[in-house]
PDB file of N, CA and C in Angstrom:
ATOM      1  N   UNK A   1       0.846  -1.175   0.000  1.00  0.00           N
ATOM      2  CA  UNK A   1       0.000   0.000   0.000  1.00  0.00           C
ATOM      3  C   UNK A   1       0.896   1.244   0.000  1.00  0.00           C
ATOM      4  N   UNK A   2       0.593   2.179  -0.881  1.00  0.00           N
ATOM      5  CA  UNK A   2       1.346   3.427  -0.951  1.00  0.00           C
ATOM      6  C   UNK A   2       1.087   4.279   0.290  1.00  0.00           C
ATOM      7  N   UNK A   3       2.043   5.120   0.616  1.00  0.00           N
ATOM      8  CA  UNK A   3       1.911   5.984   1.790  1.00  0.00           C
ATOM      9  C   UNK A   3       0.677   6.883   1.678  1.00  0.00           C
ATOM     10  N   UNK A   4       0.366   7.335   0.487  1.00  0.00           N
ATOM     11  CA  UNK A   4      -0.814   8.178   0.287  1.00  0.00           C
ATOM     12  C   UNK A   4      -2.087   7.416   0.666  1.00  0.00           C
ATOM     13  N   UNK A   5      -2.129   6.129   0.352  1.00  0.00           N
ATOM     14  CA  UNK A   5      -3.279   5.302   0.702  1.00  0.00           C
ATOM     15  C   UNK A   5      -3.338   5.047   2.211  1.00  0.00           C
ATOM     16  N   UNK A   6      -2.182   4.872   2.810  1.00  0.00           N
ATOM     17  CA  UNK A   6      -2.108   4.702   4.268  1.00  0.00           C
ATOM     18  C   UNK A   6      -2.658   5.953   4.946  1.00  0.00           C
ATOM     19  N   UNK A   7      -2.217   7.112   4.481  1.00  0.00           N
ATOM     20  CA  UNK A   7      -2.697   8.380   5.036  1.00  0.00           C
ATOM     21  C   UNK A   7      -4.212   8.501   4.863  1.00  0.00           C
ATOM     22  N   UNK A   8      -4.712   8.180   3.689  1.00  0.00           N
ATOM     23  CA  UNK A   8      -6.148   8.273   3.406  1.00  0.00           C
ATOM     24  C   UNK A   8      -6.946   7.393   4.361  1.00  0.00           C
ATOM     25  N   UNK A   9      -6.499   6.157   4.536  1.00  0.00           N
ATOM     26  CA  UNK A   9      -7.185   5.211   5.426  1.00  0.00           C
ATOM     27  C   UNK A   9      -7.172   5.724   6.865  1.00  0.00           C
ATOM     28  N   UNK A  10      -6.016   6.200   7.316  1.00  0.00           N
ATOM     29  CA  UNK A  10      -5.888   6.683   8.693  1.00  0.00           C
ATOM     30  C   UNK A  10      -6.684   7.960   8.931  1.00  0.00           C
ATOM     31  N   UNK A  11      -6.677   8.858   7.966  1.00  0.00           N
ATOM     32  CA  UNK A  11      -7.446  10.099   8.107  1.00  0.00           C
ATOM     33  C   UNK A  11      -8.923   9.767   8.274  1.00  0.00           C
ATOM     34  N   UNK A  12      -9.451   8.893   7.449  1.00  0.00           N
ATOM     35  CA  UNK A  12     -10.853   8.478   7.540  1.00  0.00           C
ATOM     36  C   UNK A  12     -11.126   7.825   8.907  1.00  0.00           C
ATOM     37  N   UNK A  13     -10.234   6.925   9.314  1.00  0.00           N
ATOM     38  CA  UNK A  13     -10.404   6.217  10.592  1.00  0.00           C
ATOM     39  C   UNK A  13     -10.462   7.189  11.770  1.00  0.00           C
ATOM     40  N   UNK A  14      -9.480   8.088  11.871  1.00  0.00           N
ATOM     41  CA  UNK A  14      -9.426   8.994  13.020  1.00  0.00           C
ATOM     42  C   UNK A  14     -10.518  10.065  12.958  1.00  0.00           C
ATOM     43  N   UNK A  15     -10.918  10.459  11.761  1.00  0.00           N
ATOM     44  CA  UNK A  15     -12.033  11.408  11.637  1.00  0.00           C
ATOM     45  C   UNK A  15     -13.311  10.768  12.172  1.00  0.00           C
ATOM     46  N   UNK A  16     -13.568   9.549  11.749  1.00  0.00           N
ATOM     47  CA  UNK A  16     -14.769   8.843  12.209  1.00  0.00           C
ATOM     48  C   UNK A  16     -14.700   8.545  13.709  1.00  0.00           C
ATOM     49  N   UNK A  17     -13.509   8.171  14.177  1.00  0.00           N
ATOM     50  CA  UNK A  17     -13.327   7.880  15.601  1.00  0.00           C
ATOM     51  C   UNK A  17     -13.665   9.099  16.448  1.00  0.00           C
ATOM     52  N   UNK A  18     -13.337  10.279  15.968  1.00  0.00           N
ATOM     53  CA  UNK A  18     -13.635  11.520  16.685  1.00  0.00           C
ATOM     54  C   UNK A  18     -15.090  11.945  16.478  1.00  0.00           C
ATOM     55  N   UNK A  19     -15.788  11.259  15.568  1.00  0.00           N
ATOM     56  CA  UNK A  19     -17.196  11.562  15.334  1.00  0.00           C
ATOM     57  C   UNK A  19     -17.432  12.778  14.469  1.00  0.00           C
ATOM     58  N   UNK A  20     -16.469  13.089  13.603  1.00  0.00           N
ATOM     59  CA  UNK A  20     -16.582  14.255  12.734  1.00  0.00           C
ATOM     60  C   UNK A  20     -16.978  13.856  11.321  1.00  0.00           C
ATOM     61  N   UNK A  21     -17.803  14.667  10.713  1.00  0.00           N
ATOM     62  CA  UNK A  21     -18.082  14.510   9.290  1.00  0.00           C
ATOM     63  C   UNK A  21     -16.918  15.143   8.524  1.00  0.00           C
ATOM     64  N   UNK A  22     -16.863  14.880   7.230  1.00  0.00           N
ATOM     65  CA  UNK A  22     -15.835  15.538   6.414  1.00  0.00           C
ATOM     66  C   UNK A  22     -16.021  17.052   6.485  1.00  0.00           C
ATOM     67  N   UNK A  23     -17.254  17.488   6.471  1.00  0.00           N
ATOM     68  CA  UNK A  23     -17.547  18.921   6.525  1.00  0.00           C
ATOM     69  C   UNK A  23     -17.074  19.539   7.842  1.00  0.00           C
ATOM     70  N   UNK A  24     -17.312  18.852   8.949  1.00  0.00           N
ATOM     71  CA  UNK A  24     -16.894  19.372  10.257  1.00  0.00           C
ATOM     72  C   UNK A  24     -15.376  19.423  10.360  1.00  0.00           C
ATOM     73  N   UNK A  25     -14.714  18.376   9.885  1.00  0.00           N
ATOM     74  CA  UNK A  25     -13.245  18.376   9.902  1.00  0.00           C
ATOM     75  C   UNK A  25     -12.706  19.515   9.043  1.00  0.00           C
ATOM     76  N   UNK A  26     -13.277  19.678   7.873  1.00  0.00           N
ATOM     77  CA  UNK A  26     -12.841  20.748   6.969  1.00  0.00           C
ATOM     78  C   UNK A  26     -13.030  22.119   7.616  1.00  0.00           C
ATOM     79  N   UNK A  27     -14.169  22.304   8.260  1.00  0.00           N
ATOM     80  CA  UNK A  27     -14.441  23.584   8.926  1.00  0.00           C
ATOM     81  C   UNK A  27     -13.406  23.862  10.013  1.00  0.00           C
ATOM     82  N   UNK A  28     -13.148  22.869  10.853  1.00  0.00           N
ATOM     83  CA  UNK A  28     -12.180  23.031  11.941  1.00  0.00           C
ATOM     84  C   UNK A  28     -10.764  23.285  11.424  1.00  0.00           C
ATOM     85  N   UNK A  29     -10.422  22.667  10.301  1.00  0.00           N
ATOM     86  CA  UNK A  29      -9.076  22.810   9.734  1.00  0.00           C
ATOM     87  C   UNK A  29      -8.991  23.996   8.773  1.00  0.00           C
ATOM     88  N   UNK A  30     -10.104  24.671   8.544  1.00  0.00           N
ATOM     89  CA  UNK A  30     -10.175  25.817   7.637  1.00  0.00           C
ATOM     90  C   UNK A  30      -9.746  25.432   6.211  1.00  0.00           C
ATOM     91  N   UNK A  31     -10.301  24.314   5.745  1.00  0.00           N
ATOM     92  CA  UNK A  31     -10.057  23.849   4.379  1.00  0.00           C
ATOM     93  C   UNK A  31     -11.405  23.464   3.767  1.00  0.00           C
ATOM     94  N   UNK A  32     -11.412  23.177   2.493  1.00  0.00           N
ATOM     95  CA  UNK A  32     -12.635  22.817   1.794  1.00  0.00           C
ATOM     96  C   UNK A  32     -12.985  21.341   2.022  1.00  0.00           C
ATOM     97  N   UNK A  33     -14.276  21.043   2.145  1.00  0.00           N
ATOM     98  CA  UNK A  33     -14.713  19.667   2.345  1.00  0.00           C
ATOM     99  C   UNK A  33     -14.306  18.765   1.187  1.00  0.00           C
ATOM    100  N   UNK A  34     -14.308  19.299  -0.019  1.00  0.00           N
ATOM    101  CA  UNK A  34     -13.921  18.478  -1.172  1.00  0.00           C
ATOM    102  C   UNK A  34     -12.450  18.085  -1.101  1.00  0.00           C
ATOM    103  N   UNK A  35     -11.635  18.904  -0.448  1.00  0.00           N
ATOM    104  CA  UNK A  35     -10.224  18.567  -0.262  1.00  0.00           C
ATOM    105  C   UNK A  35     -10.093  17.398   0.718  1.00  0.00           C
ATOM    106  N   UNK A  36     -10.874  17.416   1.792  1.00  0.00           N
ATOM    107  CA  UNK A  36     -10.872  16.299   2.740  1.00  0.00           C
ATOM    108  C   UNK A  36     -11.291  15.025   2.018  1.00  0.00           C
ATOM    109  N   UNK A  37     -12.329  15.121   1.229  1.00  0.00           N
ATOM    110  CA  UNK A  37     -12.803  13.966   0.468  1.00  0.00           C
ATOM    111  C   UNK A  37     -11.719  13.432  -0.455  1.00  0.00           C
ATOM    112  N   UNK A  38     -11.040  14.321  -1.157  1.00  0.00           N
ATOM    113  CA  UNK A  38      -9.966  13.909  -2.073  1.00  0.00           C
ATOM    114  C   UNK A  38      -8.807  13.271  -1.312  1.00  0.00           C
ATOM    115  N   UNK A  39      -8.492  13.787  -0.139  1.00  0.00           N
ATOM    116  CA  UNK A  39      -7.431  13.189   0.678  1.00  0.00           C
ATOM    117  C   UNK A  39      -7.828  11.782   1.115  1.00  0.00           C
ATOM    118  N   UNK A  40      -9.077  11.618   1.512  1.00  0.00           N
ATOM    119  CA  UNK A  40      -9.542  10.313   1.976  1.00  0.00           C
ATOM    120  C   UNK A  40      -9.662   9.300   0.836  1.00  0.00           C
ATOM    121  N   UNK A  41      -9.737   9.770  -0.384  1.00  0.00           N
ATOM    122  CA  UNK A  41      -9.757   8.870  -1.539  1.00  0.00           C
ATOM    123  C   UNK A  41      -8.363   8.697  -2.141  1.00  0.00           C
ATOM    124  N   UNK A  42      -7.359   9.292  -1.484  1.00  0.00           N
ATOM    125  CA  UNK A  42      -5.958   9.223  -1.927  1.00  0.00           C
ATOM    126  C   UNK A  42      -5.767   9.864  -3.294  1.00  0.00           C
ATOM    127  N   UNK A  43      -6.590  10.847  -3.622  1.00  0.00           N
ATOM    128  CA  UNK A  43      -6.433  11.577  -4.882  1.00  0.00           C
ATOM    129  C   UNK A  43      -5.367  12.657  -4.793  1.00  0.00           C
ATOM    130  N   UNK A  44      -5.176  13.202  -3.598  1.00  0.00           N
ATOM    131  CA  UNK A  44      -4.167  14.239  -3.373  1.00  0.00           C
ATOM    132  C   UNK A  44      -3.199  13.780  -2.293  1.00  0.00           C
ATOM    133  N   UNK A  45      -2.005  14.305  -2.360  1.00  0.00           N
ATOM    134  CA  UNK A  45      -1.016  14.090  -1.304  1.00  0.00           C
ATOM    135  C   UNK A  45      -1.018  15.330  -0.413  1.00  0.00           C
ATOM    136  N   UNK A  46      -1.086  15.108   0.887  1.00  0.00           N
ATOM    137  CA  UNK A  46      -1.101  16.223   1.833  1.00  0.00           C
ATOM    138  C   UNK A  46       0.322  16.688   2.135  1.00  0.00           C
ATOM    139  N   UNK A  47       0.467  17.993   2.320  1.00  0.00           N
ATOM    140  CA  UNK A  47       1.760  18.535   2.724  1.00  0.00           C
ATOM    141  C   UNK A  47       2.009  18.217   4.201  1.00  0.00           C
ATOM    142  N   UNK A  48       3.234  18.361   4.621  1.00  0.00           N
ATOM    143  CA  UNK A  48       3.588  18.164   6.033  1.00  0.00           C
ATOM    144  C   UNK A  48       2.773  19.116   6.906  1.00  0.00           C
ATOM    145  N   UNK A  49       2.644  20.349   6.466  1.00  0.00           N
ATOM    146  CA  UNK A  49       1.871  21.328   7.231  1.00  0.00           C
ATOM    147  C   UNK A  49       0.409  20.910   7.356  1.00  0.00           C
ATOM    148  N   UNK A  50      -0.157  20.377   6.267  1.00  0.00           N
ATOM    149  CA  UNK A  50      -1.556  19.947   6.300  1.00  0.00           C
ATOM    150  C   UNK A  50      -1.729  18.728   7.209  1.00  0.00           C
ATOM    151  N   UNK A  51      -0.782  17.812   7.187  1.00  0.00           N
ATOM    152  CA  UNK A  51      -0.833  16.655   8.080  1.00  0.00           C
ATOM    153  C   UNK A  51      -0.850  17.133   9.527  1.00  0.00           C
ATOM    154  N   UNK A  52      -0.001  18.098   9.832  1.00  0.00           N
ATOM    155  CA  UNK A  52       0.037  18.657  11.183  1.00  0.00           C
ATOM    156  C   UNK A  52      -1.258  19.336  11.571  1.00  0.00           C
ATOM    157  N   UNK A  53      -1.832  20.079  10.651  1.00  0.00           N
ATOM    158  CA  UNK A  53      -3.079  20.791  10.913  1.00  0.00           C
ATOM    159  C   UNK A  53      -4.230  19.809  11.158  1.00  0.00           C
ATOM    160  N   UNK A  54      -4.327  18.782  10.321  1.00  0.00           N
ATOM    161  CA  UNK A  54      -5.383  17.786  10.482  1.00  0.00           C
ATOM    162  C   UNK A  54      -5.209  17.012  11.787  1.00  0.00           C
ATOM    163  N   UNK A  55      -3.983  16.659  12.107  1.00  0.00           N
ATOM    164  CA  UNK A  55      -3.709  15.935  13.352  1.00  0.00           C
ATOM    165  C   UNK A  55      -4.098  16.792  14.560  1.00  0.00           C
ATOM    166  N   UNK A  56      -3.839  18.073  14.478  1.00  0.00           N
ATOM    167  CA  UNK A  56      -4.196  18.969  15.578  1.00  0.00           C
ATOM    168  C   UNK A  56      -5.712  18.992  15.779  1.00  0.00           C
ATOM    169  N   UNK A  57      -6.456  19.088  14.698  1.00  0.00           N
ATOM    170  CA  UNK A  57      -7.923  19.084  14.800  1.00  0.00           C
ATOM    171  C   UNK A  57      -8.414  17.745  15.349  1.00  0.00           C
ATOM    172  N   UNK A  58      -7.775  16.658  14.922  1.00  0.00           N
ATOM    173  CA  UNK A  58      -8.174  15.322  15.373  1.00  0.00           C
ATOM    174  C   UNK A  58      -7.627  14.989  16.763  1.00  0.00           C
ATOM    175  N   UNK A  59      -6.781  15.870  17.284  1.00  0.00           N
ATOM    176  CA  UNK A  59      -6.180  15.702  18.611  1.00  0.00           C
ATOM    177  C   UNK A  59      -5.364  14.409  18.699  1.00  0.00           C
ATOM    178  N   UNK A  60      -4.533  14.193  17.673  1.00  0.00           N
ATOM    179  CA  UNK A  60      -3.660  13.019  17.630  1.00  0.00           C
ATOM    180  C   UNK A  60      -2.258  13.453  17.220  1.00  0.00           C
ATOM    181  N   UNK A  61      -1.301  12.579  17.424  1.00  0.00           N
ATOM    182  CA  UNK A  61       0.059  12.824  16.964  1.00  0.00           C
ATOM    183  C   UNK A  61       0.065  12.687  15.439  1.00  0.00           C
ATOM    184  N   UNK A  62       0.688  13.612  14.720  1.00  0.00           N
ATOM    185  CA  UNK A  62       0.718  13.519  13.256  1.00  0.00           C
ATOM    186  C   UNK A  62       1.252  12.179  12.747  1.00  0.00           C
ATOM    187  N   UNK A  63       2.143  11.563  13.500  1.00  0.00           N
ATOM    188  CA  UNK A  63       2.710  10.282  13.112  1.00  0.00           C
ATOM    189  C   UNK A  63       1.623   9.231  12.887  1.00  0.00           C
ATOM    190  N   UNK A  64       0.532   9.311  13.638  1.00  0.00           N
ATOM    191  CA  UNK A  64      -0.536   8.326  13.516  1.00  0.00           C
ATOM    192  C   UNK A  64      -1.197   8.349  12.142  1.00  0.00           C
ATOM    193  N   UNK A  65      -1.190   9.498  11.493  1.00  0.00           N
ATOM    194  CA  UNK A  65      -1.787   9.591  10.161  1.00  0.00           C
ATOM    195  C   UNK A  65      -0.928   8.897   9.099  1.00  0.00           C
ATOM    196  N   UNK A  66       0.333   8.650   9.408  1.00  0.00           N
ATOM    197  CA  UNK A  66       1.233   8.025   8.448  1.00  0.00           C
ATOM    198  C   UNK A  66       1.626   6.607   8.839  1.00  0.00           C
ATOM    199  N   UNK A  67       1.129   6.152   9.950  1.00  0.00           N
ATOM    200  CA  UNK A  67       1.496   4.838  10.478  1.00  0.00           C
ATOM    201  C   UNK A  67       0.820   3.731   9.681  1.00  0.00           C
ATOM    202  N   UNK A  68       1.622   2.795   9.215  1.00  0.00           N
ATOM    203  CA  UNK A  68       1.100   1.697   8.390  1.00  0.00           C
ATOM    204  C   UNK A  68       0.254   0.716   9.184  1.00  0.00           C
ATOM    205  N   UNK A  69       0.581   0.489  10.434  1.00  0.00           N
ATOM    206  CA  UNK A  69      -0.159  -0.441  11.286  1.00  0.00           C
ATOM    207  C   UNK A  69      -0.762   0.303  12.460  1.00  0.00           C
ATOM    208  N   UNK A  70      -2.025   0.015  12.758  1.00  0.00           N
ATOM    209  CA  UNK A  70      -2.675   0.612  13.927  1.00  0.00           C
ATOM    210  C   UNK A  70      -2.680  -0.395  15.025  1.00  0.00           C
TER     211      UNK A  70
END
């Protein structure tokens, strides 16, 4: 599995675990909902800064978004 796919899977998992919709996560991170959707489908690669921002909203260590095994 490519790292982009790992990130997509983890982003979806932690977003759902926190009980957030894509729209709510996007609002909290000050990004567009369609961007969250594209990230979760592994259509886009997130920057380091974006990984940090999303992790902050999800209240997790950024490393968890890139971790191959949970």
